[in-house]
Amino acid sequence: MTGSAILENVRRYRAIASLCRQAAAFRPIQRISLLTQADEWEQRAVNEIEEYFDAQGCPTTPQLSSSQLTQSSARKPDRLGASGGQCRLVGASRT
């Protein structure tokens, strides 16, 4: 699956999760069920991204030296690693 297809799936999953949360705000009787569904859709989005990056061989934790850790203590490392994005979604447009 291409990077743009992954991003489209993630966008759809998160849109559905958002709709579930919005519905929960207006339907107090179904609130717990709708919020549970929202969490499930968000987890699907996260899983989709993780599976893609795992298949690309991207590290799940950044490989930082001790000097880099002290220099960048203000920034939190992200899933893309210390290089700031060496692993990208192939086929995804960069805007």
Protein backbone atom coordinates (compact mmCIF):
# COMPACT_ATOMS: atom_id res chain seq x y z
CA MET A 1 0.00 0.00 0.00
CA THR A 2 1.35 3.43 -0.86
CA GLY A 3 1.97 6.23 1.59
CA SER A 4 -0.89 8.29 0.20
CA ALA A 5 -3.31 5.36 0.66
CA ILE A 6 -2.12 4.97 4.26
CA LEU A 7 -2.67 8.67 4.91
CA GLU A 8 -6.14 8.50 3.37
CA ASN A 9 -7.06 5.54 5.61
CA VAL A 10 -5.74 7.36 8.68
CA ARG A 11 -7.68 10.49 7.73
CA ARG A 12 -10.88 8.46 7.37
CA TYR A 13 -10.38 6.61 10.65
CA ARG A 14 -9.80 9.85 12.52
CA ALA A 15 -12.82 11.49 10.88
CA ILE A 16 -15.02 8.60 12.04
CA ALA A 17 -13.55 8.89 15.55
CA SER A 18 -14.32 12.60 15.54
CA LEU A 19 -17.92 11.96 14.49
CA CYS A 20 -18.28 9.43 17.32
CA ARG A 21 -17.02 12.00 19.84
CA GLN A 22 -19.37 14.66 18.46
CA ALA A 23 -22.33 12.30 18.66
CA ALA A 24 -21.37 11.41 22.24
CA ALA A 25 -21.69 15.07 23.19
CA PHE A 26 -25.32 15.12 22.06
CA ARG A 27 -26.39 11.60 23.07
CA PRO A 28 -25.72 11.16 26.79
CA ILE A 29 -27.38 7.73 26.94
CA GLN A 30 -25.03 6.35 24.25
CA ARG A 31 -22.02 8.36 25.39
CA ILE A 32 -19.91 5.49 26.74
CA SER A 33 -20.48 3.34 23.67
CA LEU A 34 -19.69 6.18 21.27
CA LEU A 35 -16.52 7.17 23.11
CA THR A 36 -15.41 3.53 23.10
CA GLN A 37 -15.96 3.43 19.35
CA ALA A 38 -13.99 6.66 18.95
CA ASP A 39 -11.06 5.13 20.84
CA GLU A 40 -11.21 2.03 18.63
CA TRP A 41 -11.08 4.14 15.44
CA GLU A 42 -8.16 6.18 16.79
CA GLN A 43 -6.33 2.95 17.61
CA ARG A 44 -6.91 1.72 14.05
CA ALA A 45 -5.33 4.92 12.75
CA VAL A 46 -2.29 4.49 15.01
CA ASN A 47 -1.95 0.82 14.06
CA GLU A 48 -2.09 1.68 10.35
CA ILE A 49 0.76 4.17 10.70
CA GLU A 50 2.83 1.86 12.92
CA GLU A 51 2.44 -1.09 10.55
CA TYR A 52 3.55 1.03 7.62
CA PHE A 53 6.65 2.33 9.38
CA ASP A 54 7.48 -1.12 10.74
CA ALA A 55 7.31 -2.51 7.20
CA GLN A 56 9.66 0.28 6.05
CA GLY A 57 12.16 -0.69 8.75
CA CYS A 58 11.96 2.61 10.60
CA PRO A 59 13.07 2.62 14.23
CA THR A 60 10.32 2.84 16.83
CA THR A 61 12.60 4.73 19.19
CA PRO A 62 15.18 7.29 18.13
CA GLN A 63 18.83 6.33 18.24
CA LEU A 64 20.37 9.28 20.08
CA SER A 65 23.83 9.62 21.55
CA SER A 66 24.20 11.07 25.04
CA SER A 67 25.41 14.40 23.60
CA GLN A 68 22.33 14.61 21.35
CA LEU A 69 20.08 13.88 24.32
CA THR A 70 21.45 16.82 26.29
CA GLN A 71 21.31 19.16 23.29
CA SER A 72 17.74 18.30 22.36
CA SER A 73 16.21 17.85 25.80
CA ALA A 74 13.63 20.54 25.03
CA ARG A 75 12.30 18.56 22.04
CA LYS A 76 10.49 15.28 22.41
CA PRO A 77 11.70 12.66 19.94
CA ASP A 78 8.98 11.43 17.63
CA ARG A 79 8.37 8.11 15.92
CA LEU A 80 10.33 9.26 12.88
CA GLY A 81 13.58 9.12 14.79
CA ALA A 82 16.32 11.56 15.61
CA SER A 83 17.00 12.46 12.00
CA GLY A 84 13.78 14.46 11.87
CA GLY A 85 12.04 12.41 9.24
CA GLN A 86 14.32 9.99 7.45
CA CYS A 87 11.39 7.57 7.24
CA ARG A 88 8.57 9.04 5.18
CA LEU A 89 5.33 7.80 3.77
CA VAL A 90 6.30 6.83 0.25
CA GLY A 91 3.96 8.36 -2.28
CA ALA A 92 2.65 10.97 0.14
CA SER A 93 2.72 14.54 -1.03
CA ARG A 94 4.73 17.01 1.02
CA THR A 95 2.87 20.25 1.56
